[in-house]
Amino acid sequence: MSHLEAAFDAAFSHVLGHQAVSVSIIGIRAGLFAAIQDRGPISAPNLAEVLGFDEHLVRVWCRAAFAFEFLDTYQFAVMSCSTSAVMRSATP
């Protein structure tokens, strides 16, 4: 691996880390993780309805949260929190 490739890999890792933190902070502050945890498996449209949020924005957040493995499933648009995401969101 060249020096340039190593630098690119390091920069890309930092960007992904920043995005993961942003997705988790949004989920905690907006109450998305709490709503999913309280209601069990729930679809993005139902989650948006429960919280009074825009369905499209909730769906986008859910896809991102699934990509970072904060949600266990995204099959048929029904999500549940992963155990590690619940533990992380409960940590001050």
N, C-alpha and C. Protein backbone atom coordinates (compact mmCIF):
# COMPACT_ATOMS: atom_id res chain seq x y z
N MET A 1 0.85 -1.17 0.00
CA MET A 1 0.00 0.00 0.00
C MET A 1 0.90 1.23 0.00
N SER A 2 0.62 2.14 -0.90
CA SER A 2 1.43 3.35 -0.98
C SER A 2 1.06 4.33 0.14
N HIS A 3 1.90 5.31 0.31
CA HIS A 3 1.67 6.34 1.32
C HIS A 3 0.36 7.07 1.03
N LEU A 4 0.09 7.35 -0.23
CA LEU A 4 -1.13 8.05 -0.62
C LEU A 4 -2.37 7.21 -0.32
N GLU A 5 -2.30 5.92 -0.59
CA GLU A 5 -3.43 5.03 -0.29
C GLU A 5 -3.67 4.93 1.21
N ALA A 6 -2.62 4.87 1.97
CA ALA A 6 -2.75 4.80 3.42
C ALA A 6 -3.37 6.09 3.97
N ALA A 7 -2.95 7.22 3.43
CA ALA A 7 -3.51 8.51 3.86
C ALA A 7 -5.00 8.59 3.50
N PHE A 8 -5.35 8.12 2.31
CA PHE A 8 -6.75 8.12 1.89
C PHE A 8 -7.58 7.21 2.81
N ASP A 9 -7.06 6.02 3.11
CA ASP A 9 -7.78 5.09 3.99
C ASP A 9 -8.00 5.71 5.37
N ALA A 10 -7.00 6.38 5.89
CA ALA A 10 -7.12 7.01 7.20
C ALA A 10 -8.16 8.13 7.16
N ALA A 11 -8.12 8.94 6.13
CA ALA A 11 -9.09 10.04 6.01
C ALA A 11 -10.51 9.49 5.86
N PHE A 12 -10.67 8.44 5.08
CA PHE A 12 -11.98 7.83 4.87
C PHE A 12 -12.52 7.26 6.18
N SER A 13 -11.67 6.65 6.97
CA SER A 13 -12.07 6.11 8.28
C SER A 13 -12.56 7.23 9.20
N HIS A 14 -11.88 8.36 9.17
CA HIS A 14 -12.29 9.50 10.00
C HIS A 14 -13.65 10.03 9.57
N VAL A 15 -13.88 10.10 8.27
CA VAL A 15 -15.17 10.58 7.75
C VAL A 15 -16.29 9.63 8.18
N LEU A 16 -16.06 8.33 8.03
CA LEU A 16 -17.08 7.35 8.45
C LEU A 16 -17.35 7.44 9.95
N GLY A 17 -16.32 7.63 10.73
CA GLY A 17 -16.50 7.77 12.17
C GLY A 17 -17.34 8.99 12.51
N HIS A 18 -17.08 10.09 11.84
CA HIS A 18 -17.86 11.31 12.07
C HIS A 18 -19.31 11.09 11.70
N GLN A 19 -19.56 10.43 10.59
CA GLN A 19 -20.94 10.17 10.17
C GLN A 19 -21.65 9.25 11.16
N ALA A 20 -20.96 8.25 11.66
CA ALA A 20 -21.57 7.33 12.64
C ALA A 20 -21.95 8.08 13.91
N VAL A 21 -21.08 8.96 14.36
CA VAL A 21 -21.38 9.76 15.56
C VAL A 21 -22.58 10.66 15.30
N SER A 22 -22.63 11.28 14.12
CA SER A 22 -23.75 12.16 13.78
C SER A 22 -25.07 11.40 13.76
N VAL A 23 -25.08 10.22 13.17
CA VAL A 23 -26.30 9.41 13.11
C VAL A 23 -26.73 9.01 14.52
N SER A 24 -25.79 8.63 15.36
CA SER A 24 -26.15 8.22 16.72
C SER A 24 -26.65 9.40 17.54
N ILE A 25 -26.05 10.56 17.41
CA ILE A 25 -26.49 11.74 18.16
C ILE A 25 -27.90 12.14 17.74
N ILE A 26 -28.16 12.13 16.44
CA ILE A 26 -29.51 12.45 15.96
C ILE A 26 -30.51 11.46 16.53
N GLY A 27 -30.17 10.18 16.52
CA GLY A 27 -31.07 9.15 17.03
C GLY A 27 -31.36 9.31 18.51
N ILE A 28 -30.36 9.72 19.27
CA ILE A 28 -30.55 9.91 20.71
C ILE A 28 -31.35 11.18 20.98
N ARG A 29 -30.93 12.30 20.41
CA ARG A 29 -31.58 13.58 20.70
C ARG A 29 -33.01 13.65 20.17
N ALA A 30 -33.26 13.04 19.03
CA ALA A 30 -34.61 13.08 18.45
C ALA A 30 -35.53 12.03 19.06
N GLY A 31 -34.98 11.15 19.88
CA GLY A 31 -35.80 10.12 20.50
C GLY A 31 -36.09 8.93 19.61
N LEU A 32 -35.37 8.80 18.52
CA LEU A 32 -35.60 7.69 17.58
C LEU A 32 -35.24 6.35 18.22
N PHE A 33 -34.07 6.27 18.84
CA PHE A 33 -33.68 5.01 19.49
C PHE A 33 -34.67 4.65 20.60
N ALA A 34 -35.05 5.63 21.39
CA ALA A 34 -35.97 5.36 22.51
C ALA A 34 -37.32 4.87 22.00
N ALA A 35 -37.82 5.49 20.94
CA ALA A 35 -39.12 5.08 20.38
C ALA A 35 -39.05 3.67 19.81
N ILE A 36 -37.96 3.34 19.13
CA ILE A 36 -37.81 1.99 18.58
C ILE A 36 -37.69 0.98 19.72
N GLN A 37 -36.93 1.33 20.73
CA GLN A 37 -36.75 0.42 21.87
C GLN A 37 -38.06 0.21 22.62
N ASP A 38 -38.83 1.28 22.82
CA ASP A 38 -40.09 1.19 23.57
C ASP A 38 -41.16 0.39 22.83
N ARG A 39 -41.18 0.49 21.51
CA ARG A 39 -42.24 -0.13 20.73
C ARG A 39 -41.86 -1.46 20.10
N GLY A 40 -40.62 -1.86 20.24
CA GLY A 40 -40.18 -3.09 19.59
C GLY A 40 -40.02 -2.85 18.10
N PRO A 41 -40.02 -3.90 17.31
CA PRO A 41 -39.88 -3.71 15.86
C PRO A 41 -40.96 -2.77 15.32
N ILE A 42 -40.54 -1.79 14.53
CA ILE A 42 -41.45 -0.78 14.01
C ILE A 42 -40.98 -0.35 12.63
N SER A 43 -41.89 0.01 11.77
CA SER A 43 -41.52 0.47 10.43
C SER A 43 -41.19 1.95 10.47
N ALA A 44 -40.46 2.42 9.47
CA ALA A 44 -40.11 3.83 9.40
C ALA A 44 -41.35 4.72 9.32
N PRO A 45 -42.36 4.38 8.51
CA PRO A 45 -43.56 5.22 8.49
C PRO A 45 -44.26 5.28 9.85
N ASN A 46 -44.33 4.14 10.54
CA ASN A 46 -44.96 4.14 11.87
C ASN A 46 -44.13 4.93 12.88
N LEU A 47 -42.81 4.81 12.79
CA LEU A 47 -41.93 5.57 13.67
C LEU A 47 -42.11 7.06 13.45
N ALA A 48 -42.17 7.47 12.19
CA ALA A 48 -42.39 8.88 11.87
C ALA A 48 -43.73 9.37 12.42
N GLU A 49 -44.75 8.55 12.28
CA GLU A 49 -46.08 8.92 12.78
C GLU A 49 -46.08 9.07 14.30
N VAL A 50 -45.47 8.11 14.98
CA VAL A 50 -45.43 8.14 16.45
C VAL A 50 -44.74 9.41 16.95
N LEU A 51 -43.65 9.79 16.28
CA LEU A 51 -42.86 10.93 16.74
C LEU A 51 -43.29 12.25 16.11
N GLY A 52 -44.17 12.19 15.09
CA GLY A 52 -44.60 13.41 14.42
C GLY A 52 -43.53 13.98 13.51
N PHE A 53 -42.68 13.11 12.96
CA PHE A 53 -41.59 13.53 12.08
C PHE A 53 -41.94 13.25 10.63
N ASP A 54 -41.21 13.88 9.73
CA ASP A 54 -41.35 13.64 8.30
C ASP A 54 -40.92 12.20 7.98
N GLU A 55 -41.78 11.48 7.27
CA GLU A 55 -41.49 10.06 6.99
C GLU A 55 -40.21 9.88 6.18
N HIS A 56 -40.00 10.72 5.19
CA HIS A 56 -38.80 10.58 4.35
C HIS A 56 -37.53 10.74 5.19
N LEU A 57 -37.51 11.74 6.07
CA LEU A 57 -36.32 11.96 6.89
C LEU A 57 -36.07 10.82 7.86
N VAL A 58 -37.15 10.26 8.41
CA VAL A 58 -37.00 9.11 9.30
C VAL A 58 -36.46 7.91 8.54
N ARG A 59 -36.97 7.71 7.33
CA ARG A 59 -36.50 6.58 6.51
C ARG A 59 -35.01 6.73 6.19
N VAL A 60 -34.58 7.94 5.87
CA VAL A 60 -33.17 8.19 5.58
C VAL A 60 -32.31 7.92 6.82
N TRP A 61 -32.78 8.40 7.98
CA TRP A 61 -32.03 8.13 9.21
C TRP A 61 -31.97 6.63 9.49
N CYS A 62 -33.08 5.93 9.29
CA CYS A 62 -33.10 4.48 9.55
C CYS A 62 -32.11 3.74 8.65
N ARG A 63 -32.04 4.13 7.40
CA ARG A 63 -31.07 3.49 6.49
C ARG A 63 -29.65 3.72 6.98
N ALA A 64 -29.37 4.95 7.40
CA ALA A 64 -28.02 5.26 7.89
C ALA A 64 -27.73 4.48 9.18
N ALA A 65 -28.70 4.44 10.07
CA ALA A 65 -28.51 3.72 11.34
C ALA A 65 -28.30 2.23 11.08
N PHE A 66 -29.01 1.68 10.11
CA PHE A 66 -28.82 0.28 9.76
C PHE A 66 -27.42 0.06 9.17
N ALA A 67 -26.98 0.98 8.33
CA ALA A 67 -25.66 0.86 7.71
C ALA A 67 -24.55 0.84 8.76
N PHE A 68 -24.73 1.57 9.85
CA PHE A 68 -23.74 1.59 10.93
C PHE A 68 -24.02 0.54 12.00
N GLU A 69 -24.97 -0.35 11.72
CA GLU A 69 -25.34 -1.47 12.60
C GLU A 69 -25.91 -1.01 13.93
N PHE A 70 -26.58 0.16 13.95
CA PHE A 70 -27.29 0.61 15.15
C PHE A 70 -28.67 -0.04 15.20
N LEU A 71 -29.18 -0.48 14.06
CA LEU A 71 -30.44 -1.18 13.99
C LEU A 71 -30.18 -2.60 13.51
N ASP A 72 -30.90 -3.54 14.07
CA ASP A 72 -30.68 -4.94 13.72
C ASP A 72 -31.23 -5.31 12.35
N THR A 73 -32.41 -4.83 12.03
CA THR A 73 -33.01 -5.24 10.76
C THR A 73 -33.53 -4.04 10.01
N TYR A 74 -33.52 -4.16 8.71
CA TYR A 74 -34.16 -3.18 7.85
C TYR A 74 -34.97 -3.94 6.82
N GLN A 75 -35.12 -5.22 7.03
CA GLN A 75 -35.87 -6.08 6.12
C GLN A 75 -37.34 -5.69 6.19
N PHE A 76 -37.94 -5.46 5.05
CA PHE A 76 -39.34 -5.04 4.95
C PHE A 76 -39.60 -3.75 5.74
N ALA A 77 -38.56 -2.95 5.90
CA ALA A 77 -38.64 -1.64 6.55
C ALA A 77 -39.10 -1.71 8.00
N VAL A 78 -38.84 -2.83 8.67
CA VAL A 78 -39.15 -2.95 10.09
C VAL A 78 -37.84 -3.02 10.85
N MET A 79 -37.68 -2.13 11.82
CA MET A 79 -36.41 -2.03 12.52
C MET A 79 -36.56 -2.36 13.99
N SER A 80 -35.47 -2.81 14.57
CA SER A 80 -35.34 -2.92 16.02
C SER A 80 -33.92 -2.50 16.35
N CYS A 81 -33.75 -1.97 17.55
CA CYS A 81 -32.41 -1.52 17.96
C CYS A 81 -31.52 -2.72 18.21
N SER A 82 -30.26 -2.58 17.81
CA SER A 82 -29.30 -3.61 18.16
C SER A 82 -28.98 -3.46 19.63
N THR A 83 -28.57 -4.53 20.26
CA THR A 83 -28.26 -4.49 21.69
C THR A 83 -27.17 -3.47 21.98
N SER A 84 -26.17 -3.41 21.13
CA SER A 84 -25.07 -2.48 21.38
C SER A 84 -25.53 -1.03 21.23
N ALA A 85 -26.47 -0.75 20.31
CA ALA A 85 -26.97 0.62 20.15
C ALA A 85 -27.76 1.05 21.38
N VAL A 86 -28.53 0.14 21.95
CA VAL A 86 -29.28 0.46 23.15
C VAL A 86 -28.33 0.76 24.30
N MET A 87 -27.29 -0.03 24.43
CA MET A 87 -26.32 0.18 25.50
C MET A 87 -25.59 1.50 25.29
N ARG A 88 -25.21 1.83 24.06
CA ARG A 88 -24.51 3.06 23.79
C ARG A 88 -25.41 4.28 24.05
N SER A 89 -26.70 4.19 23.69
CA SER A 89 -27.58 5.34 23.85
C SER A 89 -27.90 5.59 25.32
N ALA A 90 -27.75 4.58 26.16
CA ALA A 90 -28.02 4.74 27.59
C ALA A 90 -26.81 5.28 28.33
N THR A 91 -25.66 5.30 27.70
CA THR A 91 -24.43 5.78 28.34
C THR A 91 -24.37 7.30 28.26
N PRO A 92 -24.11 7.99 29.38
CA PRO A 92 -24.06 9.46 29.37
C PRO A 92 -22.90 9.99 28.56
